[in-house]
Amino acid sequence: MPRPGQVKSSGERLSDRIALGVLTRVFPPGVVDEVIAECGRREQRSRLLPAR
């Protein structure tokens, strides 16, 4: 929802409007990992740090 005085652009993405902290509170990493595992999708390469 635009703040007073702001005009919402039709080409704007949700990610342009919402903070990463809000997303991590709503979707904690453990929940995201469970959903990815249920879908059968994992990282294709092993790296020192996880993709997230």
PDB file of N, CA and C in Angstrom:
ATOM      1  N   MET A   1       0.844  -1.166   0.000  1.00  0.00           N
ATOM      2  CA  MET A   1       0.000   0.000   0.000  1.00  0.00           C
ATOM      3  C   MET A   1       0.897   1.239   0.000  1.00  0.00           C
ATOM      4  N   PRO A   2       0.656   2.134  -0.932  1.00  0.00           N
ATOM      5  CA  PRO A   2       1.491   3.334  -1.007  1.00  0.00           C
ATOM      6  C   PRO A   2       1.310   4.214   0.235  1.00  0.00           C
ATOM      7  N   ARG A   3       2.375   4.865   0.617  1.00  0.00           N
ATOM      8  CA  ARG A   3       2.307   5.832   1.712  1.00  0.00           C
ATOM      9  C   ARG A   3       1.623   7.096   1.211  1.00  0.00           C
ATOM     10  N   PRO A   4       1.117   7.915   2.108  1.00  0.00           N
ATOM     11  CA  PRO A   4       0.496   9.167   1.667  1.00  0.00           C
ATOM     12  C   PRO A   4       1.452   9.975   0.786  1.00  0.00           C
ATOM     13  N   GLY A   5       0.966  10.423  -0.329  1.00  0.00           N
ATOM     14  CA  GLY A   5       1.780  11.210  -1.252  1.00  0.00           C
ATOM     15  C   GLY A   5       2.506  10.389  -2.299  1.00  0.00           C
ATOM     16  N   GLN A   6       2.520   9.053  -2.166  1.00  0.00           N
ATOM     17  CA  GLN A   6       3.185   8.204  -3.151  1.00  0.00           C
ATOM     18  C   GLN A   6       2.173   7.704  -4.174  1.00  0.00           C
ATOM     19  N   VAL A   7       2.642   7.542  -5.385  1.00  0.00           N
ATOM     20  CA  VAL A   7       1.811   6.997  -6.448  1.00  0.00           C
ATOM     21  C   VAL A   7       2.333   5.614  -6.786  1.00  0.00           C
ATOM     22  N   LYS A   8       1.441   4.636  -6.813  1.00  0.00           N
ATOM     23  CA  LYS A   8       1.856   3.261  -7.116  1.00  0.00           C
ATOM     24  C   LYS A   8       2.048   3.123  -8.623  1.00  0.00           C
ATOM     25  N   SER A   9       3.204   2.653  -9.002  1.00  0.00           N
ATOM     26  CA  SER A   9       3.534   2.424 -10.403  1.00  0.00           C
ATOM     27  C   SER A   9       3.055   1.044 -10.822  1.00  0.00           C
ATOM     28  N   SER A  10       2.507   0.910 -12.009  1.00  0.00           N
ATOM     29  CA  SER A  10       2.009  -0.393 -12.460  1.00  0.00           C
ATOM     30  C   SER A  10       3.156  -1.358 -12.776  1.00  0.00           C
ATOM     31  N   GLY A  11       4.363  -0.861 -13.046  1.00  0.00           N
ATOM     32  CA  GLY A  11       5.494  -1.717 -13.355  1.00  0.00           C
ATOM     33  C   GLY A  11       6.301  -2.107 -12.122  1.00  0.00           C
ATOM     34  N   GLU A  12       5.794  -1.757 -10.960  1.00  0.00           N
ATOM     35  CA  GLU A  12       6.526  -2.002  -9.729  1.00  0.00           C
ATOM     36  C   GLU A  12       6.345  -3.449  -9.266  1.00  0.00           C
ATOM     37  N   ARG A  13       7.428  -4.036  -8.747  1.00  0.00           N
ATOM     38  CA  ARG A  13       7.381  -5.405  -8.232  1.00  0.00           C
ATOM     39  C   ARG A  13       7.179  -5.376  -6.727  1.00  0.00           C
ATOM     40  N   LEU A  14       6.613  -6.453  -6.191  1.00  0.00           N
ATOM     41  CA  LEU A  14       6.421  -6.562  -4.754  1.00  0.00           C
ATOM     42  C   LEU A  14       7.764  -6.457  -4.037  1.00  0.00           C
ATOM     43  N   SER A  15       8.800  -7.047  -4.611  1.00  0.00           N
ATOM     44  CA  SER A  15      10.123  -7.011  -3.984  1.00  0.00           C
ATOM     45  C   SER A  15      10.678  -5.588  -3.901  1.00  0.00           C
ATOM     46  N   ASP A  16      10.149  -4.671  -4.692  1.00  0.00           N
ATOM     47  CA  ASP A  16      10.569  -3.275  -4.598  1.00  0.00           C
ATOM     48  C   ASP A  16       9.925  -2.581  -3.400  1.00  0.00           C
ATOM     49  N   ARG A  17       8.865  -3.163  -2.871  1.00  0.00           N
ATOM     50  CA  ARG A  17       8.091  -2.521  -1.821  1.00  0.00           C
ATOM     51  C   ARG A  17       8.223  -3.157  -0.445  1.00  0.00           C
ATOM     52  N   ILE A  18       8.717  -4.380  -0.359  1.00  0.00           N
ATOM     53  CA  ILE A  18       8.733  -5.093   0.918  1.00  0.00           C
ATOM     54  C   ILE A  18      10.170  -5.393   1.326  1.00  0.00           C
ATOM     55  N   ALA A  19      10.436  -5.279   2.605  1.00  0.00           N
ATOM     56  CA  ALA A  19      11.794  -5.484   3.109  1.00  0.00           C
ATOM     57  C   ALA A  19      12.083  -6.976   3.286  1.00  0.00           C
ATOM     58  N   LEU A  20      13.337  -7.331   3.148  1.00  0.00           N
ATOM     59  CA  LEU A  20      13.757  -8.716   3.310  1.00  0.00           C
ATOM     60  C   LEU A  20      13.466  -9.226   4.718  1.00  0.00           C
ATOM     61  N   GLY A  21      13.599  -8.372   5.712  1.00  0.00           N
ATOM     62  CA  GLY A  21      13.317  -8.756   7.089  1.00  0.00           C
ATOM     63  C   GLY A  21      11.881  -9.214   7.284  1.00  0.00           C
ATOM     64  N   VAL A  22      10.947  -8.564   6.605  1.00  0.00           N
ATOM     65  CA  VAL A  22       9.534  -8.955   6.694  1.00  0.00           C
ATOM     66  C   VAL A  22       9.351 -10.348   6.100  1.00  0.00           C
ATOM     67  N   LEU A  23       9.963 -10.608   4.974  1.00  0.00           N
ATOM     68  CA  LEU A  23       9.838 -11.920   4.340  1.00  0.00           C
ATOM     69  C   LEU A  23      10.421 -13.022   5.218  1.00  0.00           C
ATOM     70  N   THR A  24      11.565 -12.766   5.858  1.00  0.00           N
ATOM     71  CA  THR A  24      12.173 -13.797   6.695  1.00  0.00           C
ATOM     72  C   THR A  24      11.376 -14.031   7.975  1.00  0.00           C
ATOM     73  N   ARG A  25      10.621 -13.039   8.429  1.00  0.00           N
ATOM     74  CA  ARG A  25       9.746 -13.246   9.579  1.00  0.00           C
ATOM     75  C   ARG A  25       8.537 -14.079   9.199  1.00  0.00           C
ATOM     76  N   VAL A  26       7.983 -13.833   8.027  1.00  0.00           N
ATOM     77  CA  VAL A  26       6.802 -14.558   7.565  1.00  0.00           C
ATOM     78  C   VAL A  26       7.177 -15.963   7.106  1.00  0.00           C
ATOM     79  N   PHE A  27       8.308 -16.097   6.431  1.00  0.00           N
ATOM     80  CA  PHE A  27       8.771 -17.383   5.903  1.00  0.00           C
ATOM     81  C   PHE A  27      10.157 -17.688   6.468  1.00  0.00           C
ATOM     82  N   PRO A  28      10.229 -18.256   7.692  1.00  0.00           N
ATOM     83  CA  PRO A  28      11.537 -18.549   8.280  1.00  0.00           C
ATOM     84  C   PRO A  28      12.327 -19.553   7.437  1.00  0.00           C
ATOM     85  N   PRO A  29      13.653 -19.518   7.507  1.00  0.00           N
ATOM     86  CA  PRO A  29      14.486 -20.406   6.688  1.00  0.00           C
ATOM     87  C   PRO A  29      14.131 -21.884   6.826  1.00  0.00           C
ATOM     88  N   GLY A  30      13.754 -22.326   8.015  1.00  0.00           N
ATOM     89  CA  GLY A  30      13.381 -23.728   8.205  1.00  0.00           C
ATOM     90  C   GLY A  30      12.162 -24.126   7.381  1.00  0.00           C
ATOM     91  N   VAL A  31      11.187 -23.228   7.309  1.00  0.00           N
ATOM     92  CA  VAL A  31       9.986 -23.489   6.510  1.00  0.00           C
ATOM     93  C   VAL A  31      10.343 -23.535   5.028  1.00  0.00           C
ATOM     94  N   VAL A  32      11.172 -22.611   4.593  1.00  0.00           N
ATOM     95  CA  VAL A  32      11.599 -22.583   3.193  1.00  0.00           C
ATOM     96  C   VAL A  32      12.346 -23.867   2.844  1.00  0.00           C
ATOM     97  N   ASP A  33      13.230 -24.321   3.726  1.00  0.00           N
ATOM     98  CA  ASP A  33      13.979 -25.565   3.493  1.00  0.00           C
ATOM     99  C   ASP A  33      13.039 -26.763   3.394  1.00  0.00           C
ATOM    100  N   GLU A  34      12.016 -26.824   4.255  1.00  0.00           N
ATOM    101  CA  GLU A  34      11.044 -27.927   4.208  1.00  0.00           C
ATOM    102  C   GLU A  34      10.285 -27.944   2.885  1.00  0.00           C
ATOM    103  N   VAL A  35       9.839 -26.791   2.434  1.00  0.00           N
ATOM    104  CA  VAL A  35       9.090 -26.708   1.172  1.00  0.00           C
ATOM    105  C   VAL A  35       9.974 -27.119   0.000  1.00  0.00           C
ATOM    106  N   ILE A  36      11.206 -26.668  -0.005  1.00  0.00           N
ATOM    107  CA  ILE A  36      12.132 -27.037  -1.082  1.00  0.00           C
ATOM    108  C   ILE A  36      12.364 -28.540  -1.082  1.00  0.00           C
ATOM    109  N   ALA A  37      12.532 -29.132   0.103  1.00  0.00           N
ATOM    110  CA  ALA A  37      12.739 -30.579   0.204  1.00  0.00           C
ATOM    111  C   ALA A  37      11.510 -31.347  -0.291  1.00  0.00           C
ATOM    112  N   GLU A  38      10.308 -30.867   0.076  1.00  0.00           N
ATOM    113  CA  GLU A  38       9.075 -31.520  -0.377  1.00  0.00           C
ATOM    114  C   GLU A  38       8.922 -31.461  -1.894  1.00  0.00           C
ATOM    115  N   CYS A  39       9.410 -30.395  -2.491  1.00  0.00           N
ATOM    116  CA  CYS A  39       9.315 -30.237  -3.948  1.00  0.00           C
ATOM    117  C   CYS A  39      10.405 -31.027  -4.673  1.00  0.00           C
ATOM    118  N   GLY A  40      11.352 -31.549  -3.922  1.00  0.00           N
ATOM    119  CA  GLY A  40      12.430 -32.327  -4.531  1.00  0.00           C
ATOM    120  C   GLY A  40      13.469 -31.486  -5.235  1.00  0.00           C
ATOM    121  N   ARG A  41      13.571 -30.238  -4.840  1.00  0.00           N
ATOM    122  CA  ARG A  41      14.561 -29.336  -5.453  1.00  0.00           C
ATOM    123  C   ARG A  41      15.630 -28.996  -4.435  1.00  0.00           C
ATOM    124  N   ARG A  42      16.853 -29.176  -4.793  1.00  0.00           N
ATOM    125  CA  ARG A  42      17.981 -28.844  -3.924  1.00  0.00           C
ATOM    126  C   ARG A  42      19.039 -28.150  -4.768  1.00  0.00           C
ATOM    127  N   GLU A  43      20.068 -27.677  -4.098  1.00  0.00           N
ATOM    128  CA  GLU A  43      21.191 -27.091  -4.827  1.00  0.00           C
ATOM    129  C   GLU A  43      21.829 -28.157  -5.701  1.00  0.00           C
ATOM    130  N   GLN A  44      22.242 -27.778  -6.882  1.00  0.00           N
ATOM    131  CA  GLN A  44      22.889 -28.742  -7.770  1.00  0.00           C
ATOM    132  C   GLN A  44      24.368 -28.883  -7.451  1.00  0.00           C
ATOM    133  N   ARG A  45      24.965 -27.845  -6.896  1.00  0.00           N
ATOM    134  CA  ARG A  45      26.384 -27.896  -6.561  1.00  0.00           C
ATOM    135  C   ARG A  45      26.550 -27.715  -5.057  1.00  0.00           C
ATOM    136  N   SER A  46      27.532 -28.353  -4.502  1.00  0.00           N
ATOM    137  CA  SER A  46      27.853 -28.157  -3.091  1.00  0.00           C
ATOM    138  C   SER A  46      28.872 -27.029  -2.985  1.00  0.00           C
ATOM    139  N   ARG A  47      28.568 -26.084  -2.145  1.00  0.00           N
ATOM    140  CA  ARG A  47      29.465 -24.945  -1.962  1.00  0.00           C
ATOM    141  C   ARG A  47      29.753 -24.762  -0.486  1.00  0.00           C
ATOM    142  N   LEU A  48      30.683 -23.904  -0.173  1.00  0.00           N
ATOM    143  CA  LEU A  48      31.024 -23.649   1.220  1.00  0.00           C
ATOM    144  C   LEU A  48      29.853 -23.028   1.983  1.00  0.00           C
ATOM    145  N   LEU A  49      29.090 -22.168   1.308  1.00  0.00           N
ATOM    146  CA  LEU A  49      27.931 -21.523   1.912  1.00  0.00           C
ATOM    147  C   LEU A  49      26.663 -21.995   1.209  1.00  0.00           C
ATOM    148  N   PRO A  50      25.562 -22.188   1.931  1.00  0.00           N
ATOM    149  CA  PRO A  50      24.313 -22.579   1.280  1.00  0.00           C
ATOM    150  C   PRO A  50      23.791 -21.466   0.378  1.00  0.00           C
ATOM    151  N   ALA A  51      22.922 -21.808  -0.561  1.00  0.00           N
ATOM    152  CA  ALA A  51      22.408 -20.839  -1.523  1.00  0.00           C
ATOM    153  C   ALA A  51      21.641 -19.704  -0.848  1.00  0.00           C
ATOM    154  N   ARG A  52      20.995 -19.994   0.267  1.00  0.00           N
ATOM    155  CA  ARG A  52      20.230 -18.917   0.905  1.00  0.00           C
ATOM    156  C   ARG A  52      21.143 -17.995   1.634  1.00  0.00           C
TER     157      ARG A  52
END
